[in-house]
């Protein structure tokens, strides 16, 4: 199985530039959807590690990973972020990125912030999204979210902490800005009204809603409420002995679940 990986720089409207990694099967099935990976609040392409390669091999689908504005090799952002920044990413920017990349039907795979963005994107893009997988997605701010972020800020600012250096391996000079963008947005009073619930009823595709049982950034009720909002075509999956990053903390069960979900979509298409 030959998969050709290409780094792409996509030029969007208003001078916005987006860096992406695109894996294509040299002799693949062109009718298969492309898996689109959407990273977390402090993520980037490199932080997916080997997940793109493994998903491409396991599913037979092409895989497309991109860095949102402010991250990696994409255009910078300015603070403060708007309260609806996640909705803007799913409603406005993701469709533009997919169009610029020339992608047709897709399966969205989003982690944390990326999962929340996937929910909005699936609601907006309709039939173009054949399926969706979220890992640790949020549709509102809960008590674990607030406590987890406050604890992360303490660790980041503690004397001698190696957290800034570890993040700087991926984000370089943008590290402080991205960390501020994350914690200042989610902890400011105005963001308490954050609610993606109204988008869920417009999601028509099959959905796998995953979260670690030990996720310290979100209550299990996030999974329950997302599935209830989407309806019977959404399936919950809580992973034991797993925290906030299922694809790295419980990689085997996570990749098996995503692969099985994608294979189920294909079987439905072929029936």
C-alpha atoms as a PDB file:
ATOM      1  CA  UNK A   1       0.000   0.000   0.000  1.00  0.00           C
ATOM      2  CA  UNK A   2       1.627   3.206  -1.213  1.00  0.00           C
ATOM      3  CA  UNK A   3       0.528   6.473   0.407  1.00  0.00           C
ATOM      4  CA  UNK A   4       2.021   9.680  -0.933  1.00  0.00           C
ATOM      5  CA  UNK A   5       2.261  12.491   1.644  1.00  0.00           C
ATOM      6  CA  UNK A   6       2.433  16.083   0.484  1.00  0.00           C
ATOM      7  CA  UNK A   7       2.707  19.276   2.509  1.00  0.00           C
ATOM      8  CA  UNK A   8       0.452  21.911   0.982  1.00  0.00           C
ATOM      9  CA  UNK A   9       0.070  25.648   1.533  1.00  0.00           C
ATOM     10  CA  UNK A  10      -3.497  26.680   0.744  1.00  0.00           C
ATOM     11  CA  UNK A  11      -4.204  30.327  -0.022  1.00  0.00           C
ATOM     12  CA  UNK A  12      -7.671  31.435   1.070  1.00  0.00           C
ATOM     13  CA  UNK A  13      -9.540  34.724   0.912  1.00  0.00           C
ATOM     14  CA  UNK A  14      -8.290  37.818   2.733  1.00  0.00           C
ATOM     15  CA  UNK A  15      -4.681  36.678   2.496  1.00  0.00           C
ATOM     16  CA  UNK A  16      -5.140  33.733   4.875  1.00  0.00           C
ATOM     17  CA  UNK A  17      -2.680  30.902   4.313  1.00  0.00           C
ATOM     18  CA  UNK A  18      -3.290  27.402   5.693  1.00  0.00           C
ATOM     19  CA  UNK A  19      -0.686  24.645   5.968  1.00  0.00           C
ATOM     20  CA  UNK A  20      -1.916  21.108   5.392  1.00  0.00           C
ATOM     21  CA  UNK A  21      -0.616  17.576   5.100  1.00  0.00           C
ATOM     22  CA  UNK A  22      -2.364  15.427   2.498  1.00  0.00           C
ATOM     23  CA  UNK A  23      -1.918  11.678   2.256  1.00  0.00           C
ATOM     24  CA  UNK A  24      -3.185  10.059  -0.950  1.00  0.00           C
ATOM     25  CA  UNK A  25      -3.305   6.398  -1.911  1.00  0.00           C
ATOM     26  CA  UNK A  26      -1.440   5.955  -5.172  1.00  0.00           C
ATOM     27  CA  UNK A  27      -3.891   3.291  -6.316  1.00  0.00           C
ATOM     28  CA  UNK A  28      -6.760   4.072  -3.982  1.00  0.00           C
ATOM     29  CA  UNK A  29     -10.526   3.993  -4.398  1.00  0.00           C
ATOM     30  CA  UNK A  30     -11.495   7.463  -5.550  1.00  0.00           C
ATOM     31  CA  UNK A  31     -15.053   6.907  -4.288  1.00  0.00           C
ATOM     32  CA  UNK A  32     -13.923   6.746  -0.680  1.00  0.00           C
ATOM     33  CA  UNK A  33     -14.302   9.877   1.432  1.00  0.00           C
ATOM     34  CA  UNK A  34     -11.244  11.728   2.711  1.00  0.00           C
ATOM     35  CA  UNK A  35     -10.631  11.665   6.451  1.00  0.00           C
ATOM     36  CA  UNK A  36     -10.152  15.237   7.684  1.00  0.00           C
ATOM     37  CA  UNK A  37      -8.290  15.490  11.006  1.00  0.00           C
ATOM     38  CA  UNK A  38      -9.007  18.570  13.148  1.00  0.00           C
ATOM     39  CA  UNK A  39      -6.531  19.254  15.952  1.00  0.00           C
ATOM     40  CA  UNK A  40      -7.008  20.338  19.557  1.00  0.00           C
ATOM     41  CA  UNK A  41      -6.671  23.819  21.081  1.00  0.00           C
ATOM     42  CA  UNK A  42      -2.898  23.494  21.488  1.00  0.00           C
ATOM     43  CA  UNK A  43      -2.378  21.151  18.554  1.00  0.00           C
ATOM     44  CA  UNK A  44      -0.785  21.083  15.127  1.00  0.00           C
ATOM     45  CA  UNK A  45      -0.034  18.571  12.384  1.00  0.00           C
ATOM     46  CA  UNK A  46       3.009  17.110  14.154  1.00  0.00           C
ATOM     47  CA  UNK A  47       1.077  16.445  17.365  1.00  0.00           C
ATOM     48  CA  UNK A  48      -1.047  13.835  15.590  1.00  0.00           C
ATOM     49  CA  UNK A  49       2.138  11.704  15.602  1.00  0.00           C
ATOM     50  CA  UNK A  50       1.546   8.553  13.506  1.00  0.00           C
ATOM     51  CA  UNK A  51      -2.259   8.727  13.581  1.00  0.00           C
ATOM     52  CA  UNK A  52      -2.665  10.037   9.994  1.00  0.00           C
ATOM     53  CA  UNK A  53      -0.494   7.246   8.582  1.00  0.00           C
ATOM     54  CA  UNK A  54      -2.237   4.573  10.622  1.00  0.00           C
ATOM     55  CA  UNK A  55      -5.715   5.749   9.652  1.00  0.00           C
ATOM     56  CA  UNK A  56      -4.747   5.911   5.973  1.00  0.00           C
ATOM     57  CA  UNK A  57      -3.426   2.341   6.125  1.00  0.00           C
ATOM     58  CA  UNK A  58      -6.287   0.939   8.157  1.00  0.00           C
ATOM     59  CA  UNK A  59      -9.214   2.544   6.300  1.00  0.00           C
ATOM     60  CA  UNK A  60      -7.897   2.801   2.750  1.00  0.00           C
ATOM     61  CA  UNK A  61      -9.036   6.433   2.745  1.00  0.00           C
ATOM     62  CA  UNK A  62      -6.957   9.469   1.895  1.00  0.00           C
ATOM     63  CA  UNK A  63      -6.176  11.612   4.939  1.00  0.00           C
ATOM     64  CA  UNK A  64      -6.061  15.414   5.107  1.00  0.00           C
ATOM     65  CA  UNK A  65      -4.721  17.260   8.175  1.00  0.00           C
ATOM     66  CA  UNK A  66      -4.543  21.036   8.421  1.00  0.00           C
ATOM     67  CA  UNK A  67      -3.454  23.674  10.908  1.00  0.00           C
ATOM     68  CA  UNK A  68      -6.000  26.334  11.710  1.00  0.00           C
ATOM     69  CA  UNK A  69      -5.196  30.036  11.660  1.00  0.00           C
ATOM     70  CA  UNK A  70      -2.616  30.815  14.320  1.00  0.00           C
ATOM     71  CA  UNK A  71      -1.055  27.360  14.350  1.00  0.00           C
ATOM     72  CA  UNK A  72       2.051  25.886  12.764  1.00  0.00           C
ATOM     73  CA  UNK A  73       2.648  27.137   9.257  1.00  0.00           C
ATOM     74  CA  UNK A  74      -0.718  28.861   8.909  1.00  0.00           C
ATOM     75  CA  UNK A  75      -1.438  32.596   9.116  1.00  0.00           C
ATOM     76  CA  UNK A  76      -1.172  34.225  12.565  1.00  0.00           C
ATOM     77  CA  UNK A  77      -4.073  35.351  14.733  1.00  0.00           C
ATOM     78  CA  UNK A  78      -4.548  38.270  17.086  1.00  0.00           C
ATOM     79  CA  UNK A  79      -6.033  38.285  20.565  1.00  0.00           C
ATOM     80  CA  UNK A  80      -8.600  38.388  21.954  1.00  0.00           C
ATOM     81  CA  UNK A  81     -10.404  35.631  20.140  1.00  0.00           C
ATOM     82  CA  UNK A  82     -14.145  36.171  19.609  1.00  0.00           C
ATOM     83  CA  UNK A  83     -16.497  34.168  21.807  1.00  0.00           C
ATOM     84  CA  UNK A  84     -17.790  32.334  18.739  1.00  0.00           C
ATOM     85  CA  UNK A  85     -14.362  31.363  17.391  1.00  0.00           C
ATOM     86  CA  UNK A  86     -15.199  27.644  17.292  1.00  0.00           C
ATOM     87  CA  UNK A  87     -18.387  28.306  15.364  1.00  0.00           C
ATOM     88  CA  UNK A  88     -16.470  30.513  12.929  1.00  0.00           C
ATOM     89  CA  UNK A  89     -13.929  27.741  12.347  1.00  0.00           C
ATOM     90  CA  UNK A  90     -16.633  25.192  11.558  1.00  0.00           C
ATOM     91  CA  UNK A  91     -19.062  27.454   9.716  1.00  0.00           C
ATOM     92  CA  UNK A  92     -16.711  29.692   7.726  1.00  0.00           C
ATOM     93  CA  UNK A  93     -13.119  28.498   7.633  1.00  0.00           C
ATOM     94  CA  UNK A  94     -13.380  24.731   7.379  1.00  0.00           C
ATOM     95  CA  UNK A  95     -15.572  24.834   4.235  1.00  0.00           C
ATOM     96  CA  UNK A  96     -13.092  27.257   2.658  1.00  0.00           C
ATOM     97  CA  UNK A  97     -10.168  24.988   3.493  1.00  0.00           C
ATOM     98  CA  UNK A  98     -11.902  21.916   2.060  1.00  0.00           C
ATOM     99  CA  UNK A  99     -12.783  23.822  -1.112  1.00  0.00           C
ATOM    100  CA  UNK A 100      -9.238  25.116  -1.517  1.00  0.00           C
ATOM    101  CA  UNK A 101      -7.902  21.583  -1.083  1.00  0.00           C
ATOM    102  CA  UNK A 102     -10.305  20.270  -3.727  1.00  0.00           C
ATOM    103  CA  UNK A 103     -11.911  17.740  -1.386  1.00  0.00           C
ATOM    104  CA  UNK A 104     -15.302  16.205  -2.075  1.00  0.00           C
ATOM    105  CA  UNK A 105     -17.009  13.949   0.462  1.00  0.00           C
ATOM    106  CA  UNK A 106     -15.298  13.756   3.842  1.00  0.00           C
ATOM    107  CA  UNK A 107     -15.343  12.091   7.244  1.00  0.00           C
ATOM    108  CA  UNK A 108     -14.496  14.575   9.980  1.00  0.00           C
ATOM    109  CA  UNK A 109     -12.275  13.367  12.837  1.00  0.00           C
ATOM    110  CA  UNK A 110     -11.861  16.049  15.485  1.00  0.00           C
ATOM    111  CA  UNK A 111     -10.122  16.134  18.860  1.00  0.00           C
ATOM    112  CA  UNK A 112     -11.145  18.544  21.659  1.00  0.00           C
ATOM    113  CA  UNK A 113     -11.543  21.968  19.990  1.00  0.00           C
ATOM    114  CA  UNK A 114     -11.322  20.107  16.695  1.00  0.00           C
ATOM    115  CA  UNK A 115     -14.223  17.914  17.780  1.00  0.00           C
ATOM    116  CA  UNK A 116     -16.345  20.957  18.566  1.00  0.00           C
ATOM    117  CA  UNK A 117     -15.453  22.421  15.180  1.00  0.00           C
ATOM    118  CA  UNK A 118     -16.390  19.107  13.530  1.00  0.00           C
ATOM    119  CA  UNK A 119     -19.866  19.335  15.056  1.00  0.00           C
ATOM    120  CA  UNK A 120     -20.469  22.755  13.535  1.00  0.00           C
ATOM    121  CA  UNK A 121     -18.921  21.731  10.233  1.00  0.00           C
ATOM    122  CA  UNK A 122     -21.113  18.634   9.974  1.00  0.00           C
ATOM    123  CA  UNK A 123     -24.187  20.762  10.614  1.00  0.00           C
ATOM    124  CA  UNK A 124     -23.194  23.271   7.914  1.00  0.00           C
ATOM    125  CA  UNK A 125     -21.821  20.988   5.205  1.00  0.00           C
ATOM    126  CA  UNK A 126     -24.757  18.567   5.107  1.00  0.00           C
ATOM    127  CA  UNK A 127     -24.367  15.608   2.756  1.00  0.00           C
ATOM    128  CA  UNK A 128     -20.738  16.433   2.005  1.00  0.00           C
ATOM    129  CA  UNK A 129     -19.920  14.948   5.417  1.00  0.00           C
ATOM    130  CA  UNK A 130     -20.467  11.183   5.254  1.00  0.00           C
ATOM    131  CA  UNK A 131     -19.603  10.647   8.895  1.00  0.00           C
ATOM    132  CA  UNK A 132     -18.039  12.256  11.936  1.00  0.00           C
ATOM    133  CA  UNK A 133     -15.902  11.137  14.853  1.00  0.00           C
ATOM    134  CA  UNK A 134     -15.306  13.412  17.825  1.00  0.00           C
ATOM    135  CA  UNK A 135     -12.872  12.821  20.676  1.00  0.00           C
ATOM    136  CA  UNK A 136     -13.300  14.941  23.823  1.00  0.00           C
ATOM    137  CA  UNK A 137     -15.509  17.498  22.059  1.00  0.00           C
ATOM    138  CA  UNK A 138     -17.179  20.256  24.081  1.00  0.00           C
ATOM    139  CA  UNK A 139     -20.544  21.860  23.451  1.00  0.00           C
ATOM    140  CA  UNK A 140     -20.445  23.967  26.632  1.00  0.00           C
ATOM    141  CA  UNK A 141     -18.085  24.897  29.453  1.00  0.00           C
ATOM    142  CA  UNK A 142     -18.404  22.530  32.410  1.00  0.00           C
ATOM    143  CA  UNK A 143     -16.776  22.436  35.849  1.00  0.00           C
ATOM    144  CA  UNK A 144     -14.054  20.012  34.757  1.00  0.00           C
ATOM    145  CA  UNK A 145     -13.192  22.237  31.802  1.00  0.00           C
ATOM    146  CA  UNK A 146     -12.682  25.237  34.065  1.00  0.00           C
ATOM    147  CA  UNK A 147     -10.752  23.296  36.712  1.00  0.00           C
ATOM    148  CA  UNK A 148      -8.559  21.565  34.131  1.00  0.00           C
ATOM    149  CA  UNK A 149      -7.618  24.821  32.452  1.00  0.00           C
ATOM    150  CA  UNK A 150      -6.849  26.555  35.761  1.00  0.00           C
ATOM    151  CA  UNK A 151      -4.572  23.666  36.712  1.00  0.00           C
ATOM    152  CA  UNK A 152      -2.816  23.807  33.317  1.00  0.00           C
ATOM    153  CA  UNK A 153      -2.202  27.543  33.761  1.00  0.00           C
ATOM    154  CA  UNK A 154      -0.632  26.903  37.188  1.00  0.00           C
ATOM    155  CA  UNK A 155       1.673  24.278  35.688  1.00  0.00           C
ATOM    156  CA  UNK A 156       2.600  26.523  32.764  1.00  0.00           C
ATOM    157  CA  UNK A 157       3.452  29.465  35.006  1.00  0.00           C
ATOM    158  CA  UNK A 158       5.161  27.506  37.800  1.00  0.00           C
ATOM    159  CA  UNK A 159       8.890  28.244  38.259  1.00  0.00           C
ATOM    160  CA  UNK A 160      10.974  25.595  36.569  1.00  0.00           C
ATOM    161  CA  UNK A 161       8.022  24.121  34.671  1.00  0.00           C
ATOM    162  CA  UNK A 162       8.963  22.294  31.463  1.00  0.00           C
ATOM    163  CA  UNK A 163       5.487  22.695  29.957  1.00  0.00           C
ATOM    164  CA  UNK A 164       6.364  25.871  27.992  1.00  0.00           C
ATOM    165  CA  UNK A 165       9.450  24.171  26.555  1.00  0.00           C
ATOM    166  CA  UNK A 166       7.528  21.015  25.625  1.00  0.00           C
ATOM    167  CA  UNK A 167       4.883  23.054  23.825  1.00  0.00           C
ATOM    168  CA  UNK A 168       7.559  25.201  22.174  1.00  0.00           C
ATOM    169  CA  UNK A 169       8.865  22.104  20.380  1.00  0.00           C
ATOM    170  CA  UNK A 170       5.711  22.307  18.301  1.00  0.00           C
ATOM    171  CA  UNK A 171       4.744  25.986  18.406  1.00  0.00           C
ATOM    172  CA  UNK A 172       8.035  27.864  18.653  1.00  0.00           C
ATOM    173  CA  UNK A 173       7.621  31.601  19.132  1.00  0.00           C
ATOM    174  CA  UNK A 174       3.827  31.248  19.012  1.00  0.00           C
ATOM    175  CA  UNK A 175       3.714  29.155  22.195  1.00  0.00           C
ATOM    176  CA  UNK A 176       2.770  31.887  24.677  1.00  0.00           C
ATOM    177  CA  UNK A 177       0.229  33.413  22.294  1.00  0.00           C
ATOM    178  CA  UNK A 178      -1.524  30.090  21.679  1.00  0.00           C
ATOM    179  CA  UNK A 179      -1.556  29.206  25.365  1.00  0.00           C
ATOM    180  CA  UNK A 180      -3.081  32.583  26.146  1.00  0.00           C
ATOM    181  CA  UNK A 181      -5.591  32.222  23.316  1.00  0.00           C
ATOM    182  CA  UNK A 182      -6.721  28.957  24.864  1.00  0.00           C
ATOM    183  CA  UNK A 183      -6.963  29.742  28.545  1.00  0.00           C
ATOM    184  CA  UNK A 184      -7.979  33.408  28.325  1.00  0.00           C
ATOM    185  CA  UNK A 185     -10.862  32.601  25.987  1.00  0.00           C
ATOM    186  CA  UNK A 186     -12.241  29.643  27.933  1.00  0.00           C
ATOM    187  CA  UNK A 187     -12.007  31.307  31.361  1.00  0.00           C
ATOM    188  CA  UNK A 188     -13.308  34.797  30.614  1.00  0.00           C
ATOM    189  CA  UNK A 189     -16.817  35.555  31.920  1.00  0.00           C
ATOM    190  CA  UNK A 190     -18.364  36.121  28.494  1.00  0.00           C
ATOM    191  CA  UNK A 191     -17.447  32.632  27.323  1.00  0.00           C
ATOM    192  CA  UNK A 192     -19.691  31.006  29.928  1.00  0.00           C
ATOM    193  CA  UNK A 193     -22.524  31.393  27.394  1.00  0.00           C
ATOM    194  CA  UNK A 194     -20.722  29.130  24.902  1.00  0.00           C
ATOM    195  CA  UNK A 195     -23.263  26.587  23.635  1.00  0.00           C
ATOM    196  CA  UNK A 196     -23.078  24.476  20.481  1.00  0.00           C
ATOM    197  CA  UNK A 197     -26.313  22.672  21.298  1.00  0.00           C
ATOM    198  CA  UNK A 198     -28.386  24.519  18.659  1.00  0.00           C
ATOM    199  CA  UNK A 199     -26.150  23.141  15.885  1.00  0.00           C
ATOM    200  CA  UNK A 200     -26.630  19.481  16.768  1.00  0.00           C
ATOM    201  CA  UNK A 201     -30.106  19.049  15.330  1.00  0.00           C
ATOM    202  CA  UNK A 202     -28.791  19.880  11.856  1.00  0.00           C
ATOM    203  CA  UNK A 203     -26.294  16.995  11.860  1.00  0.00           C
ATOM    204  CA  UNK A 204     -27.616  14.217   9.631  1.00  0.00           C
ATOM    205  CA  UNK A 205     -24.564  11.978   9.226  1.00  0.00           C
ATOM    206  CA  UNK A 206     -23.629   8.974  11.390  1.00  0.00           C
ATOM    207  CA  UNK A 207     -21.513  10.100  14.334  1.00  0.00           C
ATOM    208  CA  UNK A 208     -19.193   8.389  16.807  1.00  0.00           C
ATOM    209  CA  UNK A 209     -18.835  10.497  19.957  1.00  0.00           C
ATOM    210  CA  UNK A 210     -15.818   9.401  22.022  1.00  0.00           C
ATOM    211  CA  UNK A 211     -14.304  10.537  25.304  1.00  0.00           C
ATOM    212  CA  UNK A 212     -11.959   9.112  27.915  1.00  0.00           C
ATOM    213  CA  UNK A 213     -13.587   8.242  31.214  1.00  0.00           C
ATOM    214  CA  UNK A 214     -10.723  10.049  33.002  1.00  0.00           C
ATOM    215  CA  UNK A 215     -10.851  13.144  30.826  1.00  0.00           C
ATOM    216  CA  UNK A 216      -9.956  16.025  33.159  1.00  0.00           C
ATOM    217  CA  UNK A 217     -11.262  18.662  30.750  1.00  0.00           C
ATOM    218  CA  UNK A 218     -14.823  17.448  30.275  1.00  0.00           C
ATOM    219  CA  UNK A 219     -17.648  15.633  32.052  1.00  0.00           C
ATOM    220  CA  UNK A 220     -19.093  12.420  30.536  1.00  0.00           C
ATOM    221  CA  UNK A 221     -22.324  14.403  30.197  1.00  0.00           C
ATOM    222  CA  UNK A 222     -20.735  16.128  27.186  1.00  0.00           C
ATOM    223  CA  UNK A 223     -20.970  12.806  25.316  1.00  0.00           C
ATOM    224  CA  UNK A 224     -24.517  12.148  26.476  1.00  0.00           C
ATOM    225  CA  UNK A 225     -25.719  15.622  25.553  1.00  0.00           C
ATOM    226  CA  UNK A 226     -24.045  15.592  22.140  1.00  0.00           C
ATOM    227  CA  UNK A 227     -25.647  12.257  21.267  1.00  0.00           C
ATOM    228  CA  UNK A 228     -29.057  13.357  22.487  1.00  0.00           C
ATOM    229  CA  UNK A 229     -28.791  16.537  20.442  1.00  0.00           C
ATOM    230  CA  UNK A 230     -27.810  14.699  17.250  1.00  0.00           C
ATOM    231  CA  UNK A 231     -30.274  11.828  17.629  1.00  0.00           C
ATOM    232  CA  UNK A 232     -30.306   8.108  16.920  1.00  0.00           C
ATOM    233  CA  UNK A 233     -27.517   8.265  14.308  1.00  0.00           C
ATOM    234  CA  UNK A 234     -25.012   9.237  17.005  1.00  0.00           C
ATOM    235  CA  UNK A 235     -23.262   6.548  19.078  1.00  0.00           C
ATOM    236  CA  UNK A 236     -21.464   7.238  22.381  1.00  0.00           C
ATOM    237  CA  UNK A 237     -18.192   5.572  23.324  1.00  0.00           C
ATOM    238  CA  UNK A 238     -16.567   6.182  26.714  1.00  0.00           C
ATOM    239  CA  UNK A 239     -13.044   4.757  26.925  1.00  0.00           C
ATOM    240  CA  UNK A 240     -11.836   3.294  30.259  1.00  0.00           C
ATOM    241  CA  UNK A 241      -8.364   4.140  31.546  1.00  0.00           C
ATOM    242  CA  UNK A 242      -8.152   7.079  29.155  1.00  0.00           C
ATOM    243  CA  UNK A 243      -7.874  10.819  29.636  1.00  0.00           C
ATOM    244  CA  UNK A 244      -8.218  13.754  27.275  1.00  0.00           C
ATOM    245  CA  UNK A 245      -6.220  12.425  24.294  1.00  0.00           C
ATOM    246  CA  UNK A 246      -7.713   9.065  23.253  1.00  0.00           C
ATOM    247  CA  UNK A 247      -5.623   8.614  20.084  1.00  0.00           C
ATOM    248  CA  UNK A 248      -2.394   8.832  22.108  1.00  0.00           C
ATOM    249  CA  UNK A 249      -3.469   7.500  25.523  1.00  0.00           C
ATOM    250  CA  UNK A 250      -5.539   4.549  24.241  1.00  0.00           C
ATOM    251  CA  UNK A 251      -4.370   4.295  20.634  1.00  0.00           C
ATOM    252  CA  UNK A 252      -5.338   0.703  19.883  1.00  0.00           C
ATOM    253  CA  UNK A 253      -8.958   0.913  21.017  1.00  0.00           C
ATOM    254  CA  UNK A 254      -9.339   4.398  19.544  1.00  0.00           C
ATOM    255  CA  UNK A 255      -7.980   3.506  16.123  1.00  0.00           C
ATOM    256  CA  UNK A 256      -9.983   0.280  16.108  1.00  0.00           C
ATOM    257  CA  UNK A 257     -13.148   2.239  16.852  1.00  0.00           C
ATOM    258  CA  UNK A 258     -12.503   4.827  14.131  1.00  0.00           C
ATOM    259  CA  UNK A 259     -11.586   2.133  11.608  1.00  0.00           C
ATOM    260  CA  UNK A 260     -14.715   0.142  12.383  1.00  0.00           C
ATOM    261  CA  UNK A 261     -16.836   3.267  12.084  1.00  0.00           C
ATOM    262  CA  UNK A 262     -15.378   4.139   8.670  1.00  0.00           C
ATOM    263  CA  UNK A 263     -15.774   0.559   7.460  1.00  0.00           C
ATOM    264  CA  UNK A 264     -19.407   0.692   8.551  1.00  0.00           C
ATOM    265  CA  UNK A 265     -19.938   3.824   6.477  1.00  0.00           C
ATOM    266  CA  UNK A 266     -18.422   2.085   3.453  1.00  0.00           C
ATOM    267  CA  UNK A 267     -20.572  -1.003   3.958  1.00  0.00           C
ATOM    268  CA  UNK A 268     -23.674   1.172   4.057  1.00  0.00           C
ATOM    269  CA  UNK A 269     -22.646   2.881   0.840  1.00  0.00           C
ATOM    270  CA  UNK A 270     -22.048  -0.462  -0.881  1.00  0.00           C
ATOM    271  CA  UNK A 271     -25.295  -2.044   0.283  1.00  0.00           C
END
